[in-house]
Amino acid sequence: MFEDLKPHLIELRKRLFISVLAIIVCFFVCFSFWKIILEFICIPLNNVLPQGSKIIFTKIQEPFFTAMKVALFAGFLLALPIVFWQFWRFVEPGLYENEKKLVIPFVLSATCMFLLGAAFCYYFVTPIAFGFLVNFSEGAFEALPSIAEYVSFFTKLVLAFGVGYELPVVIFFLAKLGLVDDKMLMNNLRVAILIIFIFAAIMTPPDVFSQFLMAIPLIGLYLASILIAKKVNPAAKDEEDSESDDDE
């Protein structure tokens, strides 16, 4: 059994190595501009901070490790096409010839959807979420947020939206492989909505607006995925027709 898995493990190691190497290279590129990237990341927080408040650091090593985290985050986003390309190369041997031709659409769509989710989070979600959290105390406390905690929170939120927006891409290829169809997705709509709201509650700040700002687009993407699956894998309709013929 292990001998059968060994070639796949070797291939997986190769693809992971290339992906990690690409992220490391992009990390060093982004590290040269970490101040510019950090200023861009801090805009949503700076826009809602009360007058006189500022972002601080509380530990000596905090600025350095924050710079590294910012560069790593930006490097990961920059290396996304290579990461998705390597993922495709890993699963490619199990695909048919006509499916292997979808590599470019997969890489482009997966990258664009991830960045679309990240952009939606940055421009629409973070202003509302940070505004609620910073002003919740209504002046009872002085806002002096730690830069390390903010960057960790920000990156977690952006990555969550990026991953969530991959849903149509994942559904498309699962349908292309015949693993899901529109009927299956429709039958599990309630479960999917429940999972989406749980995911949104875990990954977003503890305010209802932020959770809905994440959950509602994901539900919309799930509904769009049903239409995608119906077009890509119409077997469910054929099965439904055959079942009705059998009943007659």
Protein backbone atom coordinates (compact mmCIF):
# COMPACT_ATOMS: atom_id res chain seq x y z
CA MET A 1 0.00 0.00 0.00
CA PHE A 2 2.81 2.37 0.90
CA GLU A 3 4.55 1.58 -2.38
CA ASP A 4 1.42 2.67 -4.26
CA LEU A 5 1.30 5.95 -2.34
CA LYS A 6 5.03 6.64 -2.59
CA PRO A 7 4.98 8.21 -6.10
CA HIS A 8 2.11 10.49 -5.04
CA LEU A 9 3.93 11.52 -1.88
CA ILE A 10 7.06 12.30 -3.88
CA GLU A 11 5.02 14.38 -6.32
CA LEU A 12 3.28 16.16 -3.45
CA ARG A 13 6.62 16.98 -1.85
CA LYS A 14 7.87 18.37 -5.15
CA ARG A 15 4.84 20.60 -5.62
CA LEU A 16 4.93 21.82 -2.03
CA PHE A 17 8.64 22.58 -2.35
CA ILE A 18 8.09 24.68 -5.48
CA SER A 19 5.14 26.49 -3.87
CA VAL A 20 7.06 27.26 -0.68
CA LEU A 21 10.09 28.37 -2.71
CA ALA A 22 7.89 30.74 -4.72
CA ILE A 23 6.43 32.19 -1.52
CA ILE A 24 9.91 32.64 -0.03
CA VAL A 25 11.16 34.45 -3.14
CA CYS A 26 8.09 36.72 -3.13
CA PHE A 27 8.58 37.22 0.61
CA PHE A 28 12.06 38.69 0.10
CA VAL A 29 10.75 40.90 -2.71
CA CYS A 30 7.91 42.19 -0.51
CA PHE A 31 10.18 42.59 2.50
CA SER A 32 11.93 45.41 0.65
CA PHE A 33 8.62 47.30 0.61
CA TRP A 34 7.16 46.18 3.94
CA LYS A 35 6.62 49.76 5.17
CA ILE A 36 4.54 50.67 2.12
CA ILE A 37 2.54 47.45 2.43
CA LEU A 38 2.01 48.00 6.16
CA GLU A 39 0.78 51.55 5.60
CA PHE A 40 -1.76 50.19 3.12
CA ILE A 41 -2.87 47.48 5.56
CA CYS A 42 -3.31 50.01 8.36
CA ILE A 43 -5.52 52.39 6.38
CA PRO A 44 -8.84 50.78 7.51
CA LEU A 45 -7.80 51.03 11.15
CA ASN A 46 -6.35 54.54 10.93
CA ASN A 47 -9.57 55.79 9.33
CA VAL A 48 -11.64 54.79 12.39
CA LEU A 49 -9.21 55.58 15.21
CA PRO A 50 -10.31 58.51 17.42
CA GLN A 51 -8.29 61.68 17.18
CA GLY A 52 -5.13 61.41 19.27
CA SER A 53 -5.04 57.62 19.13
CA LYS A 54 -2.29 55.76 17.32
CA ILE A 55 -1.02 52.27 16.62
CA ILE A 56 1.77 51.17 18.98
CA PHE A 57 4.02 48.23 19.72
CA THR A 58 4.53 46.81 23.21
CA LYS A 59 7.44 44.40 22.70
CA ILE A 60 10.95 45.11 21.46
CA GLN A 61 10.82 42.44 18.75
CA GLU A 62 7.31 43.36 17.62
CA PRO A 63 8.22 45.72 14.73
CA PHE A 64 10.64 43.22 13.18
CA PHE A 65 8.30 40.23 13.36
CA THR A 66 5.42 42.38 12.17
CA ALA A 67 7.47 43.38 9.13
CA MET A 68 8.17 39.71 8.43
CA LYS A 69 4.51 38.78 8.79
CA VAL A 70 3.45 41.59 6.46
CA ALA A 71 6.02 40.55 3.87
CA LEU A 72 4.99 36.89 4.16
CA PHE A 73 1.33 37.77 3.74
CA ALA A 74 2.03 39.93 0.68
CA GLY A 75 4.45 37.31 -0.67
CA PHE A 76 1.77 34.64 -0.41
CA LEU A 77 -0.68 36.79 -2.37
CA LEU A 78 1.98 37.52 -4.97
CA ALA A 79 2.81 33.81 -5.33
CA LEU A 80 -0.82 32.68 -5.63
CA PRO A 81 -0.68 31.88 -9.38
CA ILE A 82 2.35 29.63 -8.83
CA VAL A 83 0.72 27.94 -5.83
CA PHE A 84 -2.45 27.20 -7.80
CA TRP A 85 -0.38 26.06 -10.77
CA GLN A 86 1.48 23.56 -8.58
CA PHE A 87 -1.79 22.31 -7.10
CA TRP A 88 -3.06 21.68 -10.61
CA ARG A 89 0.13 19.86 -11.59
CA PHE A 90 -0.36 17.58 -8.58
CA VAL A 91 -3.90 16.54 -9.54
CA GLU A 92 -3.25 16.62 -13.30
CA PRO A 93 -2.23 12.93 -13.68
CA GLY A 94 -5.70 11.87 -12.54
CA LEU A 95 -7.49 14.01 -15.12
CA TYR A 96 -8.63 13.26 -18.65
CA GLU A 97 -6.93 14.94 -21.60
CA ASN A 98 -9.77 17.41 -22.15
CA GLU A 99 -9.72 18.31 -18.44
CA LYS A 100 -5.97 18.94 -18.45
CA LYS A 101 -6.55 21.83 -20.87
CA LEU A 102 -8.34 23.75 -18.12
CA VAL A 103 -5.11 24.60 -16.30
CA ILE A 104 -5.01 28.24 -17.43
CA PRO A 105 -8.69 28.93 -16.63
CA PHE A 106 -8.22 27.26 -13.24
CA VAL A 107 -5.15 29.28 -12.28
CA LEU A 108 -6.65 32.56 -13.48
CA SER A 109 -10.09 32.01 -11.93
CA ALA A 110 -8.72 30.71 -8.62
CA THR A 111 -6.31 33.65 -8.33
CA CYS A 112 -8.91 36.23 -9.32
CA MET A 113 -11.57 34.87 -6.95
CA PHE A 114 -9.13 34.82 -4.04
CA LEU A 115 -8.07 38.40 -4.73
CA LEU A 116 -11.71 39.43 -5.23
CA GLY A 117 -12.56 38.05 -1.79
CA ALA A 118 -9.55 39.80 -0.26
CA ALA A 119 -10.49 43.10 -1.94
CA PHE A 120 -14.11 42.84 -0.77
CA CYS A 121 -12.87 42.27 2.76
CA TYR A 122 -10.45 45.21 2.62
CA TYR A 123 -12.74 47.81 1.08
CA PHE A 124 -16.14 46.86 2.53
CA VAL A 125 -15.81 44.61 5.58
CA THR A 126 -12.84 46.00 7.50
CA PRO A 127 -14.15 49.61 7.66
CA ILE A 128 -17.39 48.37 9.23
CA ALA A 129 -15.79 45.76 11.48
CA PHE A 130 -12.99 47.96 12.78
CA GLY A 131 -15.32 50.93 13.17
CA PHE A 132 -17.61 48.85 15.35
CA LEU A 133 -14.81 47.38 17.46
CA VAL A 134 -12.89 50.63 17.99
CA ASN A 135 -15.94 52.74 18.81
CA PHE A 136 -17.77 50.12 20.84
CA SER A 137 -16.50 51.54 24.14
CA GLU A 138 -17.82 55.00 23.18
CA GLY A 139 -14.75 56.76 24.56
CA ALA A 140 -14.58 54.79 27.81
CA PHE A 141 -11.07 53.62 26.88
CA GLU A 142 -8.20 55.14 24.95
CA ALA A 143 -7.51 53.29 21.70
CA LEU A 144 -3.86 52.22 21.46
CA PRO A 145 -3.98 49.06 19.31
CA SER A 146 -0.90 46.85 19.04
CA ILE A 147 0.47 46.60 15.51
CA ALA A 148 1.23 42.87 15.86
CA GLU A 149 -2.28 42.01 17.03
CA TYR A 150 -3.84 44.16 14.34
CA VAL A 151 -1.80 42.61 11.51
CA SER A 152 -2.62 39.10 12.76
CA PHE A 153 -6.31 39.92 12.93
CA PHE A 154 -6.28 41.65 9.54
CA THR A 155 -4.48 38.85 7.71
CA LYS A 156 -6.75 36.19 9.23
CA LEU A 157 -9.82 38.10 8.07
CA VAL A 158 -8.53 38.72 4.54
CA LEU A 159 -7.39 35.12 4.08
CA ALA A 160 -10.78 33.86 5.29
CA PHE A 161 -12.56 35.92 2.64
CA GLY A 162 -10.09 34.83 -0.02
CA VAL A 163 -10.60 31.16 0.77
CA GLY A 164 -14.38 31.57 0.95
CA TYR A 165 -14.52 33.13 -2.51
CA GLU A 166 -12.88 30.01 -3.99
CA LEU A 167 -16.22 28.20 -3.63
CA PRO A 168 -17.39 28.57 -7.28
CA VAL A 169 -14.01 27.43 -8.57
CA VAL A 170 -14.02 24.36 -6.32
CA ILE A 171 -17.61 23.48 -7.24
CA PHE A 172 -16.86 23.88 -10.95
CA PHE A 173 -14.04 21.37 -10.91
CA LEU A 174 -15.84 18.96 -8.59
CA ALA A 175 -18.77 19.04 -11.01
CA LYS A 176 -16.37 18.64 -13.93
CA LEU A 177 -15.04 15.48 -12.26
CA GLY A 178 -18.57 14.24 -11.67
CA LEU A 179 -18.27 14.35 -7.89
CA VAL A 180 -21.13 16.82 -7.33
CA ASP A 181 -24.18 17.94 -9.29
CA ASP A 182 -26.79 20.65 -8.99
CA LYS A 183 -29.35 18.34 -7.35
CA MET A 184 -26.87 17.35 -4.63
CA LEU A 185 -25.97 20.97 -3.95
CA MET A 186 -29.62 22.04 -3.86
CA ASN A 187 -30.56 19.23 -1.48
CA ASN A 188 -27.80 20.35 0.89
CA LEU A 189 -28.60 24.07 0.66
CA ARG A 190 -29.75 24.38 4.29
CA VAL A 191 -26.68 22.57 5.58
CA ALA A 192 -24.45 24.74 3.40
CA ILE A 193 -26.05 27.93 4.73
CA LEU A 194 -25.56 26.73 8.30
CA ILE A 195 -21.89 25.90 7.63
CA ILE A 196 -21.38 29.28 5.94
CA PHE A 197 -22.78 31.17 8.93
CA ILE A 198 -20.67 29.11 11.35
CA PHE A 199 -17.58 29.81 9.22
CA ALA A 200 -18.44 33.53 9.11
CA ALA A 201 -18.99 33.65 12.87
CA ILE A 202 -15.59 32.05 13.51
CA MET A 203 -13.59 34.09 11.02
CA THR A 204 -15.11 37.56 11.47
CA PRO A 205 -15.28 39.99 14.41
CA PRO A 206 -18.09 39.39 16.92
CA ASP A 207 -20.55 41.78 15.33
CA VAL A 208 -23.55 40.82 13.26
CA PHE A 209 -22.78 43.19 10.38
CA SER A 210 -19.37 41.66 9.66
CA GLN A 211 -20.76 38.14 9.84
CA PHE A 212 -23.52 38.96 7.38
CA LEU A 213 -21.07 40.77 5.11
CA MET A 214 -19.19 37.50 4.83
CA ALA A 215 -22.08 35.04 4.91
CA ILE A 216 -24.40 36.71 2.38
CA PRO A 217 -21.85 36.85 -0.49
CA LEU A 218 -20.83 33.24 0.24
CA ILE A 219 -24.45 32.13 0.08
CA GLY A 220 -24.74 33.99 -3.22
CA LEU A 221 -21.62 32.23 -4.48
CA TYR A 222 -23.05 28.88 -3.38
CA LEU A 223 -26.27 29.56 -5.32
CA ALA A 224 -24.17 30.57 -8.33
CA SER A 225 -22.22 27.34 -7.88
CA ILE A 226 -25.47 25.37 -8.21
CA LEU A 227 -26.03 26.97 -11.63
CA ILE A 228 -22.42 26.22 -12.55
CA ALA A 229 -22.80 22.57 -11.53
CA LYS A 230 -26.07 22.35 -13.49
CA LYS A 231 -24.31 23.52 -16.63
CA VAL A 232 -21.12 21.52 -16.15
CA ASN A 233 -22.60 18.27 -14.84
CA PRO A 234 -26.20 17.83 -16.08
CA ALA A 235 -26.32 14.18 -15.03
CA ALA A 236 -28.74 15.03 -12.21
CA LYS A 237 -31.40 16.03 -14.73
CA ASP A 238 -30.95 12.80 -16.64
CA GLU A 239 -31.26 10.79 -13.43
CA GLU A 240 -34.38 12.70 -12.45
CA ASP A 241 -35.98 11.96 -15.86
CA SER A 242 -35.09 8.27 -15.60
CA GLU A 243 -36.56 8.08 -12.12
CA SER A 244 -39.83 9.63 -13.29
CA ASP A 245 -39.95 7.13 -16.21
CA ASP A 246 -39.47 4.25 -13.81
CA ASP A 247 -42.34 5.49 -11.63
CA GLU A 248 -44.63 5.57 -14.64
